[in-house]
Each structure stands twice: as C-alpha cells, then as structure tokens.
Amino acid sequence: MLCIPAQPTDEEISSCTDEEKKVVHVESVTVVDDSSPNLLNIFWVSWYQHLDRLLNQISLLKRMADVLMKRKPKFKICTFIRSHERRASLIHLTIDVQKIEFQEELATLRKGNQVSRNNRLAKLYPFVDPDDGILRVGGRLHARAHSLSQETLYPAILTKKSDLSYLLAYKVHRDTLHGGLHLCVAELRRSHWTISARKLCRELIRKCVRCFRFNSKPLHALMGDLPKKRITPSKPFTHTALDHAGPIAHQTTGGTQKVYLAL
C-alpha cells in the first residue's frame, strides 16, 4: 500500500487559495538496500543513444547476477528481454541516478522530515516510495488512484542534466512520431517529472535532424530591380516587352509535347 506523502504545513496552507485543504500527517520509515552496486559505475549512460538498448544490457547483467547468486539455475541469453525486466532495470537505474542528484533530499526524507522551503524540490512535496525506493512527486490526484497507474499519479523526479532524462525524452520523441514540444512534455511527465522538462525537450527537438528538415522554411531569392522603362510614366505602347512561361505539358495525338507561352 502506497503511503501518502507529507502535505504542506499550516503556514503554507494559510497563504494558499480557498480550495479544499486536507492535511494528513503520516510517519513512515523506508528501508533501502544500498548493498547493490550503482549502475552508473558499470554503464556509461551518455554513450547510449537508445534507452531500450541500455535497459536490455542491464537486464542481461541482472540475469547473470541472479545465476551467480544462485537465485536462478541457468543463464538464458537467447531468451527475449521481457517488459517486466526492462521495467525493473529502469527502476534500478532511476534510483541510482537519484542517489547522486538528490543525495541531501533523500537523506532528509528518510529521516521522516520534509525538505526545506528553499530547496529546489519544495514545491513538489517529494516523498520516497516505500515499495521501490524511488523519489516521487507528491501530487493531488489521490482520488484517481483506482484509474491511474502509480507512476502517473506520482512521477519519479529527475534533473535536466541527467543522461537518463535525455534518453527518456528522446524515447518519448520517437514514440510520438517526432511530436512537438507540448506533446513530448506531456508524455514524459506521465512517468517521470524532469526539472526544466520544457527546456530539455526544446533542445532535443531543435537538434533532431528529421524535425529540422520538416520544420524548416524555404528560402526565397530577392527580386531584382525593375527596369527604368517600367517605372517611368509614358504613353501607351511607347515601350514593349516580351515575357514567356513554361514548359507546359500539352496532350496531342502523337503524345505529350512541351508548350511555351509568349506574352
């Protein structure tokens, strides 16, 4: 059962609007296993261009570790990577990234305290998920818990400078068929709340070669100066000129011919 995160204090509630305010005080103790090695010391995340390839290799490493730890009898390298293995690998990788990016915040929350007001995560009311140990956003959608998934209700928090955030944003951009800024940000926040997500997606779309090709505007050459005879008032037919257009395809009995118009 997911614990409800700590809500704003009475002083913060008094400065809010007249919306319905509910204060729930919950004390929880989360036990996190720090004995497992950090995946960032094993995999160079910035070297990968696709998130699925990274998760597949992490899943294979987990399979080999299970065999060495005698949790599984045999290592099957030919078996396809399943979705639950990728999900478990993403959770493990997210936790390792958060251990580096939010070290002080995690230490404060595991003591049962809330982060200070001056902290960069203060407006998100973060909490540590007791089920998987991920630092998540304390949202206000508890009433939709029966219809929305846990990762949508409480997205995992990541920073913009993290390589994992870039891989997630790039995957969302590809899955949405090179969607625009608003679509990519909305899809990304369904599972991960990246700080400065709009700036991250804007930079990614700007660097995308395919999006640059289709969003680029054609260049128009500057028109030359008009001749003096065309802009000087004179009597009719004092100056004449010839203009032509074409070629135009003209259907004849013998086939198609090129036709030019002379004016």
Protein backbone atom coordinates (compact mmCIF):
# COMPACT_ATOMS: atom_id res chain seq x y z
CA MET A 1 0.00 0.00 0.00
CA LEU A 2 1.44 3.35 -1.04
CA CYS A 3 1.89 5.88 1.77
CA ILE A 4 0.52 9.36 1.20
CA PRO A 5 3.36 11.88 1.13
CA ALA A 6 3.71 14.69 3.63
CA GLN A 7 1.46 17.62 2.82
CA PRO A 8 2.05 21.39 3.28
CA THR A 9 2.26 22.86 6.76
CA ASP A 10 -0.39 25.11 8.36
CA GLU A 11 1.59 28.27 7.49
CA GLU A 12 1.75 27.28 3.83
CA ILE A 13 -1.93 26.41 3.75
CA SER A 14 -2.92 29.82 5.13
CA SER A 15 -1.22 31.51 2.15
CA CYS A 16 -2.99 29.32 -0.42
CA THR A 17 -6.28 29.93 -2.21
CA ASP A 18 -9.72 28.97 -0.90
CA GLU A 19 -9.58 25.47 -2.39
CA GLU A 20 -10.32 22.47 -0.25
CA LYS A 21 -7.35 21.79 2.04
CA LYS A 22 -6.68 18.47 3.73
CA VAL A 23 -3.69 17.88 5.97
CA VAL A 24 -2.62 14.29 6.51
CA HIS A 25 0.27 13.55 8.85
CA VAL A 26 1.92 10.24 8.05
CA GLU A 27 5.11 8.88 9.54
CA SER A 28 6.79 6.15 7.55
CA VAL A 29 10.17 4.50 7.68
CA THR A 30 11.66 3.35 4.39
CA VAL A 31 14.37 0.72 4.34
CA VAL A 32 16.59 0.97 1.27
CA ASP A 33 19.12 -1.66 0.32
CA ASP A 34 22.36 0.17 -0.51
CA SER A 35 24.36 -3.04 -0.89
CA SER A 36 23.64 -3.33 -4.63
CA PRO A 37 26.27 -1.70 -6.89
CA ASN A 38 25.50 1.57 -8.62
CA LEU A 39 24.75 1.00 -12.30
CA LEU A 40 26.34 4.33 -13.21
CA ASN A 41 29.70 2.83 -12.22
CA ILE A 42 29.15 -0.05 -14.65
CA PHE A 43 27.38 1.54 -17.62
CA TRP A 44 28.31 4.77 -19.35
CA VAL A 45 24.80 6.12 -19.90
CA SER A 46 25.88 9.01 -22.13
CA TRP A 47 27.34 6.54 -24.62
CA TYR A 48 23.92 5.05 -25.44
CA GLN A 49 21.60 6.61 -27.99
CA HIS A 50 18.52 4.46 -27.27
CA LEU A 51 17.07 3.72 -23.86
CA ASP A 52 15.86 0.23 -24.78
CA ARG A 53 19.39 -0.92 -25.66
CA LEU A 54 20.65 0.24 -22.28
CA LEU A 55 17.79 -1.46 -20.42
CA ASN A 56 18.38 -4.69 -22.35
CA GLN A 57 22.02 -4.82 -21.29
CA ILE A 58 21.11 -4.06 -17.69
CA SER A 59 18.54 -6.86 -17.79
CA LEU A 60 21.15 -9.30 -19.11
CA LEU A 61 23.51 -8.24 -16.33
CA LYS A 62 20.75 -8.88 -13.79
CA ARG A 63 20.18 -12.34 -15.24
CA MET A 64 23.86 -13.19 -14.92
CA ALA A 65 23.92 -11.83 -11.37
CA ASP A 66 20.93 -14.00 -10.43
CA VAL A 67 22.78 -17.08 -11.70
CA LEU A 68 25.97 -16.19 -9.84
CA MET A 69 23.98 -15.53 -6.66
CA LYS A 70 22.21 -18.86 -7.24
CA ARG A 71 18.81 -17.22 -7.42
CA LYS A 72 18.28 -18.85 -10.84
CA PRO A 73 19.62 -22.20 -12.01
CA LYS A 74 20.63 -21.28 -15.57
CA PHE A 75 21.53 -18.19 -17.58
CA LYS A 76 19.43 -17.92 -20.78
CA ILE A 77 20.99 -15.38 -23.09
CA CYS A 78 18.83 -16.37 -26.09
CA THR A 79 15.58 -15.54 -24.30
CA PHE A 80 13.97 -12.25 -25.24
CA ILE A 81 14.06 -9.43 -22.72
CA ARG A 82 10.61 -9.13 -21.21
CA SER A 83 8.76 -5.95 -20.33
CA HIS A 84 8.89 -6.54 -16.57
CA GLU A 85 12.68 -6.94 -16.79
CA ARG A 86 13.02 -3.62 -18.59
CA ARG A 87 10.75 -2.02 -16.02
CA ALA A 88 12.84 -3.37 -13.14
CA SER A 89 16.03 -2.19 -14.86
CA LEU A 90 14.58 1.31 -15.33
CA ILE A 91 13.59 1.46 -11.67
CA HIS A 92 17.09 0.40 -10.58
CA LEU A 93 18.70 2.93 -12.92
CA THR A 94 16.37 5.72 -11.73
CA ILE A 95 17.22 5.01 -8.10
CA ASP A 96 20.97 5.11 -8.83
CA VAL A 97 20.62 8.44 -10.64
CA GLN A 98 18.60 9.91 -7.78
CA LYS A 99 21.21 8.79 -5.25
CA ILE A 100 23.69 11.10 -6.97
CA GLU A 101 21.45 14.01 -7.95
CA PHE A 102 19.31 14.18 -4.77
CA GLN A 103 21.61 12.90 -2.07
CA GLU A 104 20.69 15.54 0.53
CA GLU A 105 16.96 15.37 -0.20
CA LEU A 106 16.90 11.59 0.16
CA ALA A 107 18.74 11.76 3.49
CA THR A 108 16.22 14.30 4.80
CA LEU A 109 13.14 12.39 3.65
CA ARG A 110 14.35 9.05 5.02
CA LYS A 111 14.52 10.65 8.44
CA GLY A 112 10.81 11.42 8.20
CA ASN A 113 11.26 15.15 7.58
CA GLN A 114 10.20 17.31 4.64
CA VAL A 115 12.66 19.32 2.58
CA SER A 116 13.15 23.00 3.42
CA ARG A 117 11.29 25.77 1.65
CA ASN A 118 14.43 26.96 -0.08
CA ASN A 119 15.04 23.56 -1.64
CA ARG A 120 14.53 23.14 -5.39
CA LEU A 121 12.03 20.32 -4.74
CA ALA A 122 9.98 22.13 -2.10
CA LYS A 123 7.06 22.89 -4.44
CA LEU A 124 6.84 19.24 -5.49
CA TYR A 125 6.41 17.90 -1.91
CA PRO A 126 8.60 14.86 -2.67
CA PHE A 127 8.48 11.56 -0.84
CA VAL A 128 10.31 8.26 -1.04
CA ASP A 129 8.14 5.43 -2.31
CA PRO A 130 8.27 2.62 0.27
CA ASP A 131 7.61 0.00 -2.42
CA ASP A 132 10.59 0.62 -4.71
CA GLY A 133 12.58 3.44 -3.03
CA ILE A 134 12.11 5.99 -5.85
CA LEU A 135 11.88 9.69 -5.07
CA ARG A 136 8.47 10.75 -6.39
CA VAL A 137 6.28 13.85 -6.66
CA GLY A 138 3.59 14.20 -4.00
CA GLY A 139 0.61 15.02 -6.22
CA ARG A 140 -3.03 15.82 -5.53
CA LEU A 141 -4.63 13.04 -7.56
CA HIS A 142 -5.22 10.54 -4.75
CA ALA A 143 -8.89 10.24 -5.75
CA ARG A 144 -7.85 8.83 -9.17
CA ALA A 145 -5.76 6.04 -7.70
CA HIS A 146 -8.25 3.43 -8.94
CA SER A 147 -7.98 4.53 -12.60
CA LEU A 148 -4.40 5.81 -12.95
CA SER A 149 -1.13 3.95 -12.51
CA GLN A 150 1.21 4.70 -9.63
CA GLU A 151 3.91 6.17 -11.87
CA THR A 152 1.34 8.56 -13.40
CA LEU A 153 -0.01 9.66 -10.01
CA TYR A 154 3.46 10.09 -8.50
CA PRO A 155 6.09 10.56 -11.26
CA ALA A 156 9.74 9.93 -10.47
CA ILE A 157 11.84 13.07 -10.12
CA LEU A 158 14.91 13.60 -12.33
CA THR A 159 17.13 16.53 -13.22
CA LYS A 160 17.56 18.02 -16.68
CA LYS A 161 21.33 17.44 -16.79
CA SER A 162 20.95 13.70 -16.20
CA ASP A 163 21.77 11.45 -19.17
CA LEU A 164 18.80 9.28 -18.25
CA SER A 165 16.48 12.28 -18.68
CA TYR A 166 17.80 12.82 -22.20
CA LEU A 167 17.27 9.15 -23.12
CA LEU A 168 13.73 9.23 -21.74
CA ALA A 169 12.91 12.42 -23.64
CA TYR A 170 14.41 11.04 -26.85
CA LYS A 171 12.39 7.83 -26.49
CA VAL A 172 9.19 9.83 -25.96
CA HIS A 173 10.02 11.98 -29.00
CA ARG A 174 10.41 8.88 -31.18
CA ASP A 175 7.37 7.07 -29.77
CA THR A 176 5.18 10.09 -30.52
CA LEU A 177 6.45 10.09 -34.13
CA HIS A 178 8.58 13.20 -33.60
CA GLY A 179 5.90 15.05 -31.68
CA GLY A 180 6.06 18.71 -30.78
CA LEU A 181 7.11 20.39 -27.56
CA HIS A 182 3.82 20.17 -25.65
CA LEU A 183 3.19 16.55 -26.64
CA CYS A 184 6.66 15.40 -25.60
CA VAL A 185 6.49 17.18 -22.24
CA ALA A 186 3.03 15.73 -21.50
CA GLU A 187 4.08 12.17 -22.38
CA LEU A 188 7.32 12.46 -20.43
CA ARG A 189 5.52 13.60 -17.26
CA ARG A 190 3.28 10.53 -17.34
CA SER A 191 6.12 8.58 -15.74
CA HIS A 192 8.99 10.98 -14.90
CA TRP A 193 8.92 14.56 -13.66
CA THR A 194 12.05 16.12 -15.11
CA ILE A 195 13.07 19.52 -13.79
CA SER A 196 13.07 22.02 -16.70
CA ALA A 197 11.45 19.42 -18.95
CA ARG A 198 10.30 22.04 -21.45
CA LYS A 199 13.85 23.30 -21.95
CA LEU A 200 15.13 19.75 -22.34
CA CYS A 201 12.53 18.82 -24.97
CA ARG A 202 13.02 22.12 -26.80
CA GLU A 203 16.76 21.50 -27.13
CA LEU A 204 16.15 17.90 -28.21
CA ILE A 205 13.66 18.88 -30.93
CA ARG A 206 15.99 21.62 -32.14
CA LYS A 207 18.81 19.09 -32.59
CA CYS A 208 16.59 16.47 -34.26
CA VAL A 209 17.63 16.23 -37.92
CA ARG A 210 14.27 14.96 -39.17
CA CYS A 211 12.30 17.64 -37.32
CA PHE A 212 14.69 20.30 -38.62
CA ARG A 213 14.14 19.14 -42.19
CA PHE A 214 10.33 19.16 -41.99
CA ASN A 215 10.05 22.35 -39.92
CA SER A 216 12.48 24.39 -41.98
CA LYS A 217 11.09 27.21 -44.13
CA PRO A 218 12.09 27.56 -47.80
CA LEU A 219 14.36 30.43 -48.75
CA HIS A 220 13.13 32.97 -51.29
CA ALA A 221 15.59 34.83 -53.50
CA LEU A 222 15.41 38.60 -53.58
CA MET A 223 13.82 40.04 -56.69
CA GLY A 224 15.99 42.19 -58.95
CA ASP A 225 15.45 45.90 -59.57
CA LEU A 226 12.80 46.87 -62.09
CA PRO A 227 13.98 48.48 -65.36
CA LYS A 228 13.71 52.24 -65.64
CA LYS A 229 11.30 51.97 -68.59
CA ARG A 230 8.78 50.03 -66.48
CA ILE A 231 8.60 52.54 -63.68
CA THR A 232 8.73 55.75 -65.76
CA PRO A 233 5.33 57.14 -66.89
CA SER A 234 4.98 57.22 -70.70
CA LYS A 235 2.39 56.99 -73.48
CA PRO A 236 0.85 53.60 -74.29
CA PHE A 237 2.95 51.25 -76.39
CA THR A 238 5.98 53.52 -76.15
CA HIS A 239 7.89 50.61 -74.66
CA THR A 240 7.05 46.94 -75.25
CA ALA A 241 8.41 43.74 -73.76
CA LEU A 242 8.12 40.01 -74.23
CA ASP A 243 7.54 37.50 -71.43
CA HIS A 244 7.23 33.75 -71.61
CA ALA A 245 6.07 30.92 -69.37
CA GLY A 246 6.62 27.20 -69.49
CA PRO A 247 7.17 24.49 -70.20
CA ILE A 248 3.58 23.25 -70.05
CA ALA A 249 2.65 19.67 -70.93
CA HIS A 250 0.23 19.58 -73.88
CA GLN A 251 -1.55 16.40 -74.90
CA THR A 252 -1.62 15.75 -78.66
CA THR A 253 -2.47 12.81 -80.84
CA GLY A 254 1.14 11.81 -81.07
CA GLY A 255 1.75 12.06 -77.31
CA THR A 256 2.77 14.77 -74.90
CA GLN A 257 4.67 17.84 -76.00
CA LYS A 258 6.20 20.81 -74.23
CA VAL A 259 4.48 24.10 -74.91
CA TYR A 260 5.66 27.63 -74.04
CA LEU A 261 3.53 30.74 -73.70
CA ALA A 262 4.72 34.09 -75.08
CA LEU A 263 3.10 37.33 -73.87
